[in-house]
Amino acid sequence: MILDNASKSRLKGVHPDLIRVVHRAAELMSDPDFTFAITCGVRTLAEQRVLYAKGATRTLRSRHIPGKDGTSKAVDFVVKLNGKVRWDWPLYSQLAKVVKQAAKDVKVPIEWGGDWKTFKDGPHFQLPHAKYP
């Protein structure tokens, strides 16, 4: 699949390694009816505070907020099935397999919010703190 222009725009300011993962994941998407878009790359602290107040996140230290190197270390995906946005959990598990394979292919470690013990976040993927402070 080819990333749409909005997704490409949302990758501006994201760490180059994570961008490589996203592009590889797009290459691996072989079913034209099962695709994705990027909904968020860089986020400001003010935007994070709004999400925190709504209960959509449990942290103000989001990996979306650019770090000392000026880049975001997280992206949020949305699954599209037959061109329609979908939030069904099994679809995000399916997407996670593709993104994890993409990360392995480009040799970039990745963490999926769906693997977290609490506050599971299916659309969220990030670079690990240990390697990307």
N, C-alpha and C. Protein backbone atom coordinates (compact mmCIF):
# COMPACT_ATOMS: atom_id res chain seq x y z
N MET A 1 0.83 -1.19 0.00
CA MET A 1 0.00 0.00 0.00
C MET A 1 0.87 1.24 0.00
N ILE A 2 0.31 2.34 -0.41
CA ILE A 2 1.02 3.61 -0.45
C ILE A 2 0.44 4.51 0.64
N LEU A 3 1.32 5.09 1.44
CA LEU A 3 0.86 6.01 2.49
C LEU A 3 0.21 7.23 1.86
N ASP A 4 -0.93 7.64 2.43
CA ASP A 4 -1.58 8.85 1.92
C ASP A 4 -0.82 10.09 2.38
N ASN A 5 -1.10 11.20 1.74
CA ASN A 5 -0.37 12.45 2.04
C ASN A 5 -0.57 12.91 3.48
N ALA A 6 -1.77 12.70 4.03
CA ALA A 6 -2.01 13.10 5.42
C ALA A 6 -1.11 12.30 6.36
N SER A 7 -0.97 11.00 6.12
CA SER A 7 -0.09 10.16 6.95
C SER A 7 1.35 10.62 6.82
N LYS A 8 1.79 10.89 5.59
CA LYS A 8 3.17 11.37 5.39
C LYS A 8 3.40 12.67 6.14
N SER A 9 2.42 13.55 6.11
CA SER A 9 2.53 14.82 6.82
C SER A 9 2.64 14.61 8.33
N ARG A 10 1.88 13.64 8.84
CA ARG A 10 1.89 13.37 10.28
C ARG A 10 3.18 12.69 10.74
N LEU A 11 4.01 12.26 9.80
CA LEU A 11 5.30 11.66 10.15
C LEU A 11 6.40 12.71 10.26
N LYS A 12 6.11 13.95 9.88
CA LYS A 12 7.10 15.01 10.01
C LYS A 12 7.41 15.23 11.48
N GLY A 13 8.70 15.19 11.81
CA GLY A 13 9.12 15.37 13.19
C GLY A 13 9.23 14.07 13.96
N VAL A 14 8.89 12.95 13.34
CA VAL A 14 9.01 11.62 13.97
C VAL A 14 10.43 11.11 13.72
N HIS A 15 10.96 10.38 14.67
CA HIS A 15 12.32 9.84 14.55
C HIS A 15 12.45 9.03 13.24
N PRO A 16 13.54 9.23 12.51
CA PRO A 16 13.72 8.53 11.23
C PRO A 16 13.60 7.00 11.31
N ASP A 17 14.06 6.40 12.41
CA ASP A 17 13.95 4.95 12.54
C ASP A 17 12.49 4.50 12.57
N LEU A 18 11.66 5.26 13.25
CA LEU A 18 10.24 4.91 13.33
C LEU A 18 9.56 5.15 11.97
N ILE A 19 9.99 6.17 11.27
CA ILE A 19 9.46 6.40 9.92
C ILE A 19 9.79 5.22 9.02
N ARG A 20 11.00 4.68 9.15
CA ARG A 20 11.39 3.50 8.35
C ARG A 20 10.47 2.33 8.65
N VAL A 21 10.11 2.15 9.91
CA VAL A 21 9.20 1.06 10.29
C VAL A 21 7.84 1.25 9.62
N VAL A 22 7.32 2.47 9.69
CA VAL A 22 6.01 2.76 9.10
C VAL A 22 6.02 2.49 7.59
N HIS A 23 7.05 2.94 6.91
CA HIS A 23 7.12 2.73 5.46
C HIS A 23 7.25 1.24 5.12
N ARG A 24 8.03 0.53 5.90
CA ARG A 24 8.15 -0.92 5.67
C ARG A 24 6.82 -1.61 5.93
N ALA A 25 6.11 -1.20 6.97
CA ALA A 25 4.79 -1.78 7.25
C ALA A 25 3.85 -1.56 6.07
N ALA A 26 3.90 -0.38 5.48
CA ALA A 26 3.06 -0.10 4.30
C ALA A 26 3.41 -1.05 3.16
N GLU A 27 4.70 -1.31 2.98
CA GLU A 27 5.13 -2.24 1.92
C GLU A 27 4.60 -3.65 2.18
N LEU A 28 4.50 -4.03 3.45
CA LEU A 28 4.08 -5.38 3.80
C LEU A 28 2.56 -5.59 3.72
N MET A 29 1.81 -4.50 3.66
CA MET A 29 0.35 -4.62 3.59
C MET A 29 -0.03 -5.11 2.20
N SER A 30 -0.44 -6.36 2.11
CA SER A 30 -0.69 -6.97 0.80
C SER A 30 -2.18 -7.02 0.43
N ASP A 31 -3.06 -6.83 1.41
CA ASP A 31 -4.50 -6.87 1.14
C ASP A 31 -4.99 -5.44 0.92
N PRO A 32 -5.44 -5.11 -0.28
CA PRO A 32 -5.87 -3.73 -0.55
C PRO A 32 -7.10 -3.31 0.27
N ASP A 33 -7.80 -4.25 0.84
CA ASP A 33 -8.97 -3.93 1.67
C ASP A 33 -8.61 -3.70 3.13
N PHE A 34 -7.38 -4.09 3.54
CA PHE A 34 -6.91 -3.92 4.92
C PHE A 34 -5.70 -3.00 4.86
N THR A 35 -5.91 -1.73 5.22
CA THR A 35 -4.84 -0.73 5.15
C THR A 35 -4.78 0.05 6.46
N PHE A 36 -3.92 1.03 6.49
CA PHE A 36 -3.81 1.88 7.68
C PHE A 36 -3.48 3.30 7.28
N ALA A 37 -3.66 4.18 8.23
CA ALA A 37 -3.22 5.57 8.11
C ALA A 37 -2.57 5.95 9.44
N ILE A 38 -1.78 6.98 9.42
CA ILE A 38 -1.18 7.52 10.65
C ILE A 38 -2.07 8.67 11.12
N THR A 39 -2.48 8.61 12.38
CA THR A 39 -3.34 9.66 12.94
C THR A 39 -2.56 10.67 13.77
N CYS A 40 -1.40 10.25 14.28
CA CYS A 40 -0.61 11.17 15.12
C CYS A 40 0.85 10.75 15.13
N GLY A 41 1.71 11.73 14.98
CA GLY A 41 3.15 11.53 15.14
C GLY A 41 3.59 12.43 16.28
N VAL A 42 3.82 13.69 15.96
CA VAL A 42 4.23 14.68 16.97
C VAL A 42 3.00 15.23 17.67
N ARG A 43 3.13 15.38 18.98
CA ARG A 43 2.06 15.97 19.79
C ARG A 43 2.70 16.97 20.75
N THR A 44 2.03 18.07 20.99
CA THR A 44 2.54 19.06 21.95
C THR A 44 2.12 18.66 23.36
N LEU A 45 2.76 19.26 24.34
CA LEU A 45 2.38 19.01 25.73
C LEU A 45 0.96 19.49 25.97
N ALA A 46 0.57 20.60 25.36
CA ALA A 46 -0.79 21.11 25.51
C ALA A 46 -1.81 20.10 24.98
N GLU A 47 -1.53 19.51 23.82
CA GLU A 47 -2.42 18.48 23.27
C GLU A 47 -2.48 17.26 24.18
N GLN A 48 -1.33 16.90 24.75
CA GLN A 48 -1.28 15.76 25.66
C GLN A 48 -2.10 16.03 26.91
N ARG A 49 -2.04 17.25 27.41
CA ARG A 49 -2.83 17.62 28.60
C ARG A 49 -4.33 17.47 28.34
N VAL A 50 -4.78 17.85 27.15
CA VAL A 50 -6.19 17.70 26.79
C VAL A 50 -6.58 16.22 26.79
N LEU A 51 -5.75 15.39 26.18
CA LEU A 51 -6.03 13.94 26.15
C LEU A 51 -6.03 13.35 27.55
N TYR A 52 -5.11 13.83 28.39
CA TYR A 52 -5.02 13.36 29.78
C TYR A 52 -6.30 13.72 30.54
N ALA A 53 -6.76 14.95 30.36
CA ALA A 53 -7.98 15.41 31.03
C ALA A 53 -9.20 14.59 30.60
N LYS A 54 -9.20 14.14 29.34
CA LYS A 54 -10.31 13.33 28.82
C LYS A 54 -10.21 11.86 29.23
N GLY A 55 -9.07 11.47 29.80
CA GLY A 55 -8.86 10.07 30.16
C GLY A 55 -8.39 9.21 29.00
N ALA A 56 -7.99 9.85 27.90
CA ALA A 56 -7.53 9.11 26.74
C ALA A 56 -6.08 8.66 26.87
N THR A 57 -5.39 9.17 27.88
CA THR A 57 -4.03 8.77 28.18
C THR A 57 -3.85 8.85 29.69
N ARG A 58 -2.83 8.18 30.18
CA ARG A 58 -2.54 8.21 31.61
C ARG A 58 -1.20 8.86 31.91
N THR A 59 -0.63 9.53 30.92
CA THR A 59 0.67 10.16 31.14
C THR A 59 0.74 11.52 30.47
N LEU A 60 1.56 12.36 31.05
CA LEU A 60 1.89 13.63 30.40
C LEU A 60 3.28 13.54 29.78
N ARG A 61 3.91 12.38 29.92
CA ARG A 61 5.25 12.17 29.37
C ARG A 61 5.18 11.28 28.13
N SER A 62 4.31 11.60 27.24
CA SER A 62 4.09 10.81 26.02
C SER A 62 5.32 10.79 25.13
N ARG A 63 5.53 9.67 24.45
CA ARG A 63 6.62 9.55 23.48
C ARG A 63 6.29 10.35 22.21
N HIS A 64 5.05 10.81 22.08
CA HIS A 64 4.68 11.67 20.95
C HIS A 64 5.31 13.06 21.08
N ILE A 65 5.54 13.49 22.31
CA ILE A 65 6.13 14.81 22.55
C ILE A 65 7.62 14.73 22.21
N PRO A 66 8.11 15.59 21.33
CA PRO A 66 9.51 15.52 20.92
C PRO A 66 10.47 15.54 22.11
N GLY A 67 11.48 14.69 22.02
CA GLY A 67 12.50 14.59 23.07
C GLY A 67 13.62 15.58 22.85
N LYS A 68 14.71 15.33 23.55
CA LYS A 68 15.86 16.23 23.49
C LYS A 68 16.43 16.37 22.09
N ASP A 69 16.27 15.32 21.28
CA ASP A 69 16.78 15.38 19.91
C ASP A 69 15.78 16.06 18.95
N GLY A 70 14.63 16.48 19.48
CA GLY A 70 13.65 17.19 18.68
C GLY A 70 12.68 16.31 17.91
N THR A 71 12.74 14.98 18.13
CA THR A 71 11.84 14.09 17.40
C THR A 71 10.88 13.35 18.32
N SER A 72 9.74 13.01 17.76
CA SER A 72 8.75 12.17 18.43
C SER A 72 9.22 10.72 18.31
N LYS A 73 8.95 9.93 19.32
CA LYS A 73 9.33 8.51 19.31
C LYS A 73 8.10 7.61 19.25
N ALA A 74 6.94 8.15 18.84
CA ALA A 74 5.71 7.37 18.80
C ALA A 74 4.84 7.78 17.62
N VAL A 75 4.05 6.81 17.17
CA VAL A 75 3.03 7.08 16.15
C VAL A 75 1.78 6.31 16.51
N ASP A 76 0.65 6.87 16.12
CA ASP A 76 -0.64 6.18 16.27
C ASP A 76 -1.16 5.86 14.88
N PHE A 77 -1.67 4.67 14.75
CA PHE A 77 -2.24 4.18 13.49
C PHE A 77 -3.75 4.12 13.61
N VAL A 78 -4.42 4.08 12.48
CA VAL A 78 -5.83 3.72 12.42
C VAL A 78 -5.95 2.68 11.31
N VAL A 79 -6.71 1.64 11.59
CA VAL A 79 -6.94 0.60 10.59
C VAL A 79 -8.11 1.02 9.70
N LYS A 80 -7.96 0.73 8.42
CA LYS A 80 -9.06 0.94 7.48
C LYS A 80 -9.40 -0.40 6.83
N LEU A 81 -10.64 -0.75 6.89
CA LEU A 81 -11.13 -1.97 6.28
C LEU A 81 -12.12 -1.57 5.19
N ASN A 82 -11.78 -1.92 3.96
CA ASN A 82 -12.58 -1.49 2.81
C ASN A 82 -12.77 0.03 2.79
N GLY A 83 -11.70 0.74 3.16
CA GLY A 83 -11.72 2.20 3.13
C GLY A 83 -12.38 2.88 4.32
N LYS A 84 -12.93 2.09 5.25
CA LYS A 84 -13.63 2.66 6.41
C LYS A 84 -12.79 2.50 7.67
N VAL A 85 -12.70 3.56 8.46
CA VAL A 85 -11.97 3.53 9.73
C VAL A 85 -12.64 2.53 10.66
N ARG A 86 -11.80 1.68 11.27
CA ARG A 86 -12.33 0.66 12.19
C ARG A 86 -11.50 0.65 13.47
N TRP A 87 -12.17 0.36 14.57
CA TRP A 87 -11.51 0.33 15.88
C TRP A 87 -11.59 -1.04 16.53
N ASP A 88 -12.02 -2.07 15.81
CA ASP A 88 -12.15 -3.42 16.36
C ASP A 88 -10.78 -3.93 16.81
N TRP A 89 -10.69 -4.37 18.06
CA TRP A 89 -9.42 -4.80 18.63
C TRP A 89 -8.71 -5.86 17.79
N PRO A 90 -9.40 -6.89 17.28
CA PRO A 90 -8.68 -7.91 16.49
C PRO A 90 -7.96 -7.34 15.28
N LEU A 91 -8.47 -6.28 14.71
CA LEU A 91 -7.80 -5.65 13.57
C LEU A 91 -6.46 -5.03 13.97
N TYR A 92 -6.40 -4.51 15.20
CA TYR A 92 -5.15 -3.90 15.68
C TYR A 92 -4.12 -4.97 16.04
N SER A 93 -4.59 -6.12 16.49
CA SER A 93 -3.68 -7.25 16.71
C SER A 93 -3.09 -7.69 15.38
N GLN A 94 -3.91 -7.71 14.35
CA GLN A 94 -3.45 -8.07 13.00
C GLN A 94 -2.45 -7.03 12.49
N LEU A 95 -2.75 -5.75 12.69
CA LEU A 95 -1.83 -4.69 12.29
C LEU A 95 -0.51 -4.80 13.06
N ALA A 96 -0.59 -5.11 14.35
CA ALA A 96 0.62 -5.22 15.17
C ALA A 96 1.58 -6.26 14.62
N LYS A 97 1.06 -7.36 14.12
CA LYS A 97 1.92 -8.39 13.52
C LYS A 97 2.70 -7.81 12.34
N VAL A 98 2.03 -7.02 11.53
CA VAL A 98 2.68 -6.41 10.36
C VAL A 98 3.73 -5.40 10.81
N VAL A 99 3.39 -4.53 11.77
CA VAL A 99 4.32 -3.50 12.22
C VAL A 99 5.52 -4.13 12.91
N LYS A 100 5.29 -5.15 13.70
CA LYS A 100 6.41 -5.83 14.37
C LYS A 100 7.32 -6.49 13.35
N GLN A 101 6.75 -7.09 12.31
CA GLN A 101 7.58 -7.69 11.25
C GLN A 101 8.36 -6.60 10.52
N ALA A 102 7.72 -5.48 10.27
CA ALA A 102 8.40 -4.36 9.61
C ALA A 102 9.58 -3.89 10.45
N ALA A 103 9.38 -3.77 11.75
CA ALA A 103 10.45 -3.34 12.65
C ALA A 103 11.61 -4.33 12.61
N LYS A 104 11.27 -5.60 12.61
CA LYS A 104 12.30 -6.64 12.54
C LYS A 104 13.06 -6.53 11.21
N ASP A 105 12.33 -6.31 10.13
CA ASP A 105 12.95 -6.21 8.81
C ASP A 105 13.95 -5.06 8.72
N VAL A 106 13.63 -3.93 9.34
CA VAL A 106 14.53 -2.77 9.27
C VAL A 106 15.44 -2.65 10.50
N LYS A 107 15.35 -3.68 11.36
CA LYS A 107 16.23 -3.78 12.54
C LYS A 107 16.08 -2.60 13.49
N VAL A 108 14.82 -2.28 13.79
CA VAL A 108 14.50 -1.21 14.73
C VAL A 108 13.61 -1.80 15.83
N PRO A 109 14.01 -1.68 17.09
CA PRO A 109 13.15 -2.19 18.16
C PRO A 109 11.87 -1.37 18.26
N ILE A 110 10.77 -2.04 18.59
CA ILE A 110 9.47 -1.36 18.65
C ILE A 110 8.68 -1.89 19.84
N GLU A 111 7.84 -1.03 20.39
CA GLU A 111 6.91 -1.44 21.44
C GLU A 111 5.50 -1.12 20.97
N TRP A 112 4.59 -2.05 21.23
CA TRP A 112 3.18 -1.86 20.86
C TRP A 112 2.36 -1.63 22.12
N GLY A 113 1.52 -0.61 22.10
CA GLY A 113 0.66 -0.31 23.23
C GLY A 113 -0.30 -1.44 23.57
N GLY A 114 -0.59 -2.30 22.63
CA GLY A 114 -1.46 -3.45 22.88
C GLY A 114 -0.82 -4.52 23.73
N ASP A 115 0.51 -4.46 23.87
CA ASP A 115 1.22 -5.43 24.72
C ASP A 115 1.36 -4.95 26.16
N TRP A 116 0.96 -3.71 26.44
CA TRP A 116 1.09 -3.19 27.79
C TRP A 116 0.18 -3.94 28.75
N LYS A 117 0.60 -4.04 29.99
CA LYS A 117 -0.17 -4.75 31.02
C LYS A 117 -1.44 -3.99 31.39
N THR A 118 -1.34 -2.66 31.47
CA THR A 118 -2.51 -1.85 31.80
C THR A 118 -2.69 -0.80 30.72
N PHE A 119 -3.87 -0.26 30.60
CA PHE A 119 -4.19 0.78 29.62
C PHE A 119 -3.69 0.39 28.23
N LYS A 120 -4.21 -0.71 27.73
CA LYS A 120 -3.82 -1.19 26.41
C LYS A 120 -4.21 -0.15 25.35
N ASP A 121 -3.29 0.09 24.42
CA ASP A 121 -3.45 1.13 23.41
C ASP A 121 -3.13 0.54 22.04
N GLY A 122 -4.12 -0.05 21.40
CA GLY A 122 -3.92 -0.76 20.14
C GLY A 122 -3.35 0.06 19.00
N PRO A 123 -3.73 1.32 18.85
CA PRO A 123 -3.20 2.11 17.73
C PRO A 123 -1.76 2.61 17.92
N HIS A 124 -1.21 2.48 19.13
CA HIS A 124 0.05 3.13 19.50
C HIS A 124 1.27 2.22 19.35
N PHE A 125 2.30 2.75 18.68
CA PHE A 125 3.60 2.09 18.57
C PHE A 125 4.66 3.12 18.92
N GLN A 126 5.72 2.67 19.61
CA GLN A 126 6.77 3.60 20.01
C GLN A 126 8.12 2.93 20.03
N LEU A 127 9.16 3.77 19.96
CA LEU A 127 10.52 3.30 20.13
C LEU A 127 10.77 3.16 21.63
N PRO A 128 11.51 2.14 22.05
CA PRO A 128 11.75 1.93 23.48
C PRO A 128 12.64 3.01 24.10
N HIS A 129 12.32 3.36 25.35
CA HIS A 129 13.07 4.38 26.08
C HIS A 129 14.54 4.03 26.18
N ALA A 130 14.85 2.76 26.42
CA ALA A 130 16.24 2.35 26.66
C ALA A 130 17.15 2.69 25.48
N LYS A 131 16.67 2.52 24.28
CA LYS A 131 17.52 2.79 23.10
C LYS A 131 17.30 4.17 22.51
N TYR A 132 16.16 4.77 22.83
CA TYR A 132 15.80 6.08 22.26
C TYR A 132 15.31 7.00 23.39
N PRO A 133 16.28 7.52 24.17
CA PRO A 133 15.86 8.37 25.31
C PRO A 133 15.21 9.68 24.87
